[in-house]
Amino acid sequence: MRYRLLASGWKLLGPEAPTGNPSILQSTCGKETMIVCLDEAEGKFLLFRELAR
């Protein structure tokens, strides 16, 4: 899933982690910023969205 997000324009925050370790990725579109904490080993994620004024 991490590679799909990277291919669609998301940016990896921090160093490249081995597959299976949690990754943090960011995407910005206009005034909206999304950050996802992706744990591929557990098959879980946590998504944060921020709308700037």
PDB file of N, CA and C in Angstrom:
ATOM      1  N   MET A   1       0.813  -1.178   0.000  1.00  0.00           N
ATOM      2  CA  MET A   1       0.000   0.000   0.000  1.00  0.00           C
ATOM      3  C   MET A   1       0.871   1.262   0.000  1.00  0.00           C
ATOM      4  N   ARG A   2       1.998   1.202   0.709  1.00  0.00           N
ATOM      5  CA  ARG A   2       2.899   2.359   0.773  1.00  0.00           C
ATOM      6  C   ARG A   2       3.352   2.753  -0.630  1.00  0.00           C
ATOM      7  N   TYR A   3       3.693   1.774  -1.452  1.00  0.00           N
ATOM      8  CA  TYR A   3       4.177   2.064  -2.800  1.00  0.00           C
ATOM      9  C   TYR A   3       3.073   2.644  -3.686  1.00  0.00           C
ATOM     10  N   ARG A   4       1.831   2.239  -3.466  1.00  0.00           N
ATOM     11  CA  ARG A   4       0.710   2.813  -4.213  1.00  0.00           C
ATOM     12  C   ARG A   4       0.516   4.278  -3.849  1.00  0.00           C
ATOM     13  N   LEU A   5       0.615   4.589  -2.552  1.00  0.00           N
ATOM     14  CA  LEU A   5       0.483   5.979  -2.124  1.00  0.00           C
ATOM     15  C   LEU A   5       1.617   6.829  -2.694  1.00  0.00           C
ATOM     16  N   LEU A   6       2.844   6.318  -2.632  1.00  0.00           N
ATOM     17  CA  LEU A   6       3.983   7.057  -3.176  1.00  0.00           C
ATOM     18  C   LEU A   6       3.819   7.281  -4.680  1.00  0.00           C
ATOM     19  N   ALA A   7       3.312   6.285  -5.385  1.00  0.00           N
ATOM     20  CA  ALA A   7       3.115   6.403  -6.828  1.00  0.00           C
ATOM     21  C   ALA A   7       2.031   7.420  -7.176  1.00  0.00           C
ATOM     22  N   SER A   8       1.090   7.655  -6.251  1.00  0.00           N
ATOM     23  CA  SER A   8       0.019   8.609  -6.533  1.00  0.00           C
ATOM     24  C   SER A   8       0.330  10.011  -6.010  1.00  0.00           C
ATOM     25  N   GLY A   9       1.584  10.257  -5.577  1.00  0.00           N
ATOM     26  CA  GLY A   9       1.989  11.601  -5.223  1.00  0.00           C
ATOM     27  C   GLY A   9       2.190  11.884  -3.743  1.00  0.00           C
ATOM     28  N   TRP A  10       1.953  10.919  -2.888  1.00  0.00           N
ATOM     29  CA  TRP A  10       2.192  11.108  -1.461  1.00  0.00           C
ATOM     30  C   TRP A  10       3.697  11.164  -1.219  1.00  0.00           C
ATOM     31  N   LYS A  11       4.114  11.881  -0.161  1.00  0.00           N
ATOM     32  CA  LYS A  11       5.530  12.002   0.175  1.00  0.00           C
ATOM     33  C   LYS A  11       5.801  11.289   1.492  1.00  0.00           C
ATOM     34  N   LEU A  12       6.886  10.548   1.528  1.00  0.00           N
ATOM     35  CA  LEU A  12       7.296   9.828   2.727  1.00  0.00           C
ATOM     36  C   LEU A  12       7.978  10.799   3.676  1.00  0.00           C
ATOM     37  N   LEU A  13       7.512  10.845   4.922  1.00  0.00           N
ATOM     38  CA  LEU A  13       8.120  11.691   5.941  1.00  0.00           C
ATOM     39  C   LEU A  13       9.084  10.830   6.744  1.00  0.00           C
ATOM     40  N   GLY A  14      10.312  11.238   6.825  1.00  0.00           N
ATOM     41  CA  GLY A  14      11.308  10.458   7.547  1.00  0.00           C
ATOM     42  C   GLY A  14      12.042   9.504   6.632  1.00  0.00           C
ATOM     43  N   PRO A  15      12.928   8.708   7.204  1.00  0.00           N
ATOM     44  CA  PRO A  15      13.724   7.774   6.395  1.00  0.00           C
ATOM     45  C   PRO A  15      12.876   6.613   5.869  1.00  0.00           C
ATOM     46  N   GLU A  16      13.334   6.024   4.800  1.00  0.00           N
ATOM     47  CA  GLU A  16      12.670   4.849   4.220  1.00  0.00           C
ATOM     48  C   GLU A  16      12.740   3.708   5.210  1.00  0.00           C
ATOM     49  N   ALA A  17      11.584   3.229   5.647  1.00  0.00           N
ATOM     50  CA  ALA A  17      11.526   2.129   6.617  1.00  0.00           C
ATOM     51  C   ALA A  17      11.386   0.806   5.872  1.00  0.00           C
ATOM     52  N   PRO A  18      11.971  -0.259   6.404  1.00  0.00           N
ATOM     53  CA  PRO A  18      11.786  -1.569   5.772  1.00  0.00           C
ATOM     54  C   PRO A  18      10.308  -1.946   5.740  1.00  0.00           C
ATOM     55  N   THR A  19       9.929  -2.732   4.753  1.00  0.00           N
ATOM     56  CA  THR A  19       8.549  -3.174   4.663  1.00  0.00           C
ATOM     57  C   THR A  19       8.165  -3.890   5.948  1.00  0.00           C
ATOM     58  N   GLY A  20       6.984  -3.572   6.452  1.00  0.00           N
ATOM     59  CA  GLY A  20       6.516  -4.167   7.692  1.00  0.00           C
ATOM     60  C   GLY A  20       6.614  -3.206   8.859  1.00  0.00           C
ATOM     61  N   ASN A  21       7.469  -2.179   8.749  1.00  0.00           N
ATOM     62  CA  ASN A  21       7.557  -1.171   9.791  1.00  0.00           C
ATOM     63  C   ASN A  21       6.571  -0.047   9.478  1.00  0.00           C
ATOM     64  N   PRO A  22       6.051   0.630  10.498  1.00  0.00           N
ATOM     65  CA  PRO A  22       5.119   1.739  10.245  1.00  0.00           C
ATOM     66  C   PRO A  22       5.786   2.852   9.427  1.00  0.00           C
ATOM     67  N   SER A  23       5.023   3.445   8.521  1.00  0.00           N
ATOM     68  CA  SER A  23       5.483   4.543   7.682  1.00  0.00           C
ATOM     69  C   SER A  23       4.545   5.727   7.868  1.00  0.00           C
ATOM     70  N   ILE A  24       5.073   6.933   7.715  1.00  0.00           N
ATOM     71  CA  ILE A  24       4.264   8.141   7.783  1.00  0.00           C
ATOM     72  C   ILE A  24       4.381   8.834   6.432  1.00  0.00           C
ATOM     73  N   LEU A  25       3.224   9.083   5.804  1.00  0.00           N
ATOM     74  CA  LEU A  25       3.195   9.711   4.490  1.00  0.00           C
ATOM     75  C   LEU A  25       2.300  10.943   4.531  1.00  0.00           C
ATOM     76  N   GLN A  26       2.576  11.910   3.635  1.00  0.00           N
ATOM     77  CA  GLN A  26       1.832  13.166   3.605  1.00  0.00           C
ATOM     78  C   GLN A  26       1.420  13.503   2.181  1.00  0.00           C
ATOM     79  N   SER A  27       0.222  14.064   2.064  1.00  0.00           N
ATOM     80  CA  SER A  27      -0.278  14.553   0.785  1.00  0.00           C
ATOM     81  C   SER A  27      -0.919  15.915   1.017  1.00  0.00           C
ATOM     82  N   THR A  28      -0.643  16.861   0.104  1.00  0.00           N
ATOM     83  CA  THR A  28      -1.230  18.186   0.193  1.00  0.00           C
ATOM     84  C   THR A  28      -1.964  18.482  -1.100  1.00  0.00           C
ATOM     85  N   CYS A  29      -3.197  18.947  -0.961  1.00  0.00           N
ATOM     86  CA  CYS A  29      -4.021  19.305  -2.116  1.00  0.00           C
ATOM     87  C   CYS A  29      -4.722  20.615  -1.784  1.00  0.00           C
ATOM     88  N   GLY A  30      -4.245  21.689  -2.388  1.00  0.00           N
ATOM     89  CA  GLY A  30      -4.812  22.997  -2.084  1.00  0.00           C
ATOM     90  C   GLY A  30      -4.547  23.366  -0.634  1.00  0.00           C
ATOM     91  N   LYS A  31      -5.621  23.623   0.115  1.00  0.00           N
ATOM     92  CA  LYS A  31      -5.492  23.991   1.527  1.00  0.00           C
ATOM     93  C   LYS A  31      -5.638  22.792   2.464  1.00  0.00           C
ATOM     94  N   GLU A  32      -5.769  21.610   1.902  1.00  0.00           N
ATOM     95  CA  GLU A  32      -5.948  20.404   2.707  1.00  0.00           C
ATOM     96  C   GLU A  32      -4.650  19.603   2.767  1.00  0.00           C
ATOM     97  N   THR A  33      -4.272  19.208   3.982  1.00  0.00           N
ATOM     98  CA  THR A  33      -3.104  18.348   4.182  1.00  0.00           C
ATOM     99  C   THR A  33      -3.581  17.071   4.856  1.00  0.00           C
ATOM    100  N   MET A  34      -3.152  15.936   4.317  1.00  0.00           N
ATOM    101  CA  MET A  34      -3.477  14.646   4.907  1.00  0.00           C
ATOM    102  C   MET A  34      -2.187  13.936   5.295  1.00  0.00           C
ATOM    103  N   ILE A  35      -2.187  13.346   6.468  1.00  0.00           N
ATOM    104  CA  ILE A  35      -1.054  12.560   6.943  1.00  0.00           C
ATOM    105  C   ILE A  35      -1.592  11.197   7.342  1.00  0.00           C
ATOM    106  N   VAL A  36      -0.918  10.145   6.885  1.00  0.00           N
ATOM    107  CA  VAL A  36      -1.343   8.794   7.227  1.00  0.00           C
ATOM    108  C   VAL A  36      -0.185   8.056   7.904  1.00  0.00           C
ATOM    109  N   CYS A  37      -0.498   7.383   8.997  1.00  0.00           N
ATOM    110  CA  CYS A  37       0.438   6.476   9.666  1.00  0.00           C
ATOM    111  C   CYS A  37       0.017   5.077   9.221  1.00  0.00           C
ATOM    112  N   LEU A  38       0.870   4.432   8.460  1.00  0.00           N
ATOM    113  CA  LEU A  38       0.537   3.167   7.803  1.00  0.00           C
ATOM    114  C   LEU A  38       1.341   2.033   8.422  1.00  0.00           C
ATOM    115  N   ASP A  39       0.641   1.036   8.945  1.00  0.00           N
ATOM    116  CA  ASP A  39       1.282  -0.151   9.507  1.00  0.00           C
ATOM    117  C   ASP A  39       0.887  -1.341   8.638  1.00  0.00           C
ATOM    118  N   GLU A  40       1.718  -1.628   7.649  1.00  0.00           N
ATOM    119  CA  GLU A  40       1.390  -2.687   6.694  1.00  0.00           C
ATOM    120  C   GLU A  40       1.424  -4.075   7.335  1.00  0.00           C
ATOM    121  N   ALA A  41       2.267  -4.274   8.335  1.00  0.00           N
ATOM    122  CA  ALA A  41       2.364  -5.581   8.985  1.00  0.00           C
ATOM    123  C   ALA A  41       1.055  -5.937   9.693  1.00  0.00           C
ATOM    124  N   GLU A  42       0.428  -4.937  10.307  1.00  0.00           N
ATOM    125  CA  GLU A  42      -0.829  -5.154  11.022  1.00  0.00           C
ATOM    126  C   GLU A  42      -2.040  -4.944  10.119  1.00  0.00           C
ATOM    127  N   GLY A  43      -1.815  -4.323   8.956  1.00  0.00           N
ATOM    128  CA  GLY A  43      -2.924  -4.037   8.050  1.00  0.00           C
ATOM    129  C   GLY A  43      -3.803  -2.908   8.556  1.00  0.00           C
ATOM    130  N   LYS A  44      -3.198  -1.935   9.259  1.00  0.00           N
ATOM    131  CA  LYS A  44      -3.962  -0.833   9.847  1.00  0.00           C
ATOM    132  C   LYS A  44      -3.365   0.506   9.437  1.00  0.00           C
ATOM    133  N   PHE A  45      -4.184   1.558   9.561  1.00  0.00           N
ATOM    134  CA  PHE A  45      -3.711   2.906   9.280  1.00  0.00           C
ATOM    135  C   PHE A  45      -4.464   3.900  10.147  1.00  0.00           C
ATOM    136  N   LEU A  46      -3.888   5.087  10.293  1.00  0.00           N
ATOM    137  CA  LEU A  46      -4.511   6.193  10.996  1.00  0.00           C
ATOM    138  C   LEU A  46      -4.343   7.419  10.114  1.00  0.00           C
ATOM    139  N   LEU A  47      -5.446   8.051   9.732  1.00  0.00           N
ATOM    140  CA  LEU A  47      -5.426   9.172   8.806  1.00  0.00           C
ATOM    141  C   LEU A  47      -5.790  10.459   9.528  1.00  0.00           C
ATOM    142  N   PHE A  48      -4.974  11.507   9.340  1.00  0.00           N
ATOM    143  CA  PHE A  48      -5.238  12.836   9.876  1.00  0.00           C
ATOM    144  C   PHE A  48      -5.481  13.778   8.709  1.00  0.00           C
ATOM    145  N   ARG A  49      -6.501  14.633   8.819  1.00  0.00           N
ATOM    146  CA  ARG A  49      -6.761  15.650   7.811  1.00  0.00           C
ATOM    147  C   ARG A  49      -6.777  17.012   8.472  1.00  0.00           C
ATOM    148  N   GLU A  50      -6.144  17.984   7.808  1.00  0.00           N
ATOM    149  CA  GLU A  50      -6.134  19.354   8.313  1.00  0.00           C
ATOM    150  C   GLU A  50      -6.540  20.282   7.174  1.00  0.00           C
ATOM    151  N   LEU A  51      -7.503  21.133   7.451  1.00  0.00           N
ATOM    152  CA  LEU A  51      -7.938  22.128   6.479  1.00  0.00           C
ATOM    153  C   LEU A  51      -7.418  23.476   6.949  1.00  0.00           C
ATOM    154  N   ALA A  52      -6.606  24.134   6.124  1.00  0.00           N
ATOM    155  CA  ALA A  52      -6.073  25.450   6.468  1.00  0.00           C
ATOM    156  C   ALA A  52      -7.122  26.509   6.147  1.00  0.00           C
ATOM    157  N   ARG A  53      -7.065  27.592   6.871  1.00  0.00           N
ATOM    158  CA  ARG A  53      -8.016  28.684   6.630  1.00  0.00           C
ATOM    159  C   ARG A  53      -7.438  29.702   5.729  1.00  0.00           C
TER     160      ARG A  53
END
